[in-house]
């Protein structure tokens, strides 16, 4: 698979350190803020003014671990807007480099504007509003059309992994083999069925079997070892049996399966289409209804399920 390139910190140019320090002095609206707050503001200003400067002498400034999810989302949004596609997210060093260059282009603009204002408090509020508006504008630049399960099914395993687990993509380490108990476990099949049903009851999606939660490819070897002849054909037969056992015969029509070899490992890619009617998981005498929420399959209680079904299948 294509190795994901990561980064552990954001840098600034050595020559800009004094400007960052100046903006943390007591007469600045950033006096009580952290370095990352000034960096984000400078980055937004640079992006807004289309001012990007290459760093000549890098100085480590902010560790990635200090960034909050909204800050990372903003940095990612700017990289996506710059590159015009989501593929850039697989190269975190490039994402951070784009943010660093815009921060280098915006820091002097930010300093001049902040320290040139008479009413710092008023300007601070205005700055927050401007940043929020800019963030909303950047988000609109991101691809707005959601990819259908059919479109996702055409992507490579590497591309799917780079997108990460989300509303339409789920990673599963195995379908038959339990890595914790070190043997075959029927519960693994029920877990797969739960994910399938949640996609069927939502917008559809993709399940990758043979990939762990971190995106590492583990393959189907352990699953195949549990089968009598250890073939992919028998794996697919077992997959069909799992769907029928836990979801019923009709839902099998809404899933497709293919196998892809990555390096020395086989991966199962499951395309799950939205079902025209609610799909339930039946296990140990219980019937449960699951939907996809973010990157998780969530069960709904009777009241919530009734409302959800009425809203999503009004003709039933």
Foldseek 3Di string as FASTA:
>chain_A
DDQQAADFFAWAAPVCPVLLVVCCDPVFLCVPPASLVLLLLLLLQLLVVVFFAQHDHIDGDGTPVPDDPVSVVLLQLSVCLVVVANPCLSHHVSSSRSSRRSSNRRSVVVSCVRVVDPDNVVVVVVSVVVSVVSSVVSVVSYDPDDDALVRVVPDDLVVLLSVAQWLAEEEAQEQFADPVVGGGDNVSLLVVLLVLLQQQLEAWHKYKYQADNNGDGRAHQSVLVRDPNSDVVVVVVVNQVSCCVFWNNVQVVQKDWDWDDDDNHIMIMITGGHHLAHTWTADPNDTWGWHGDIRDIDTDDPVVVVVSRCVPNVPD
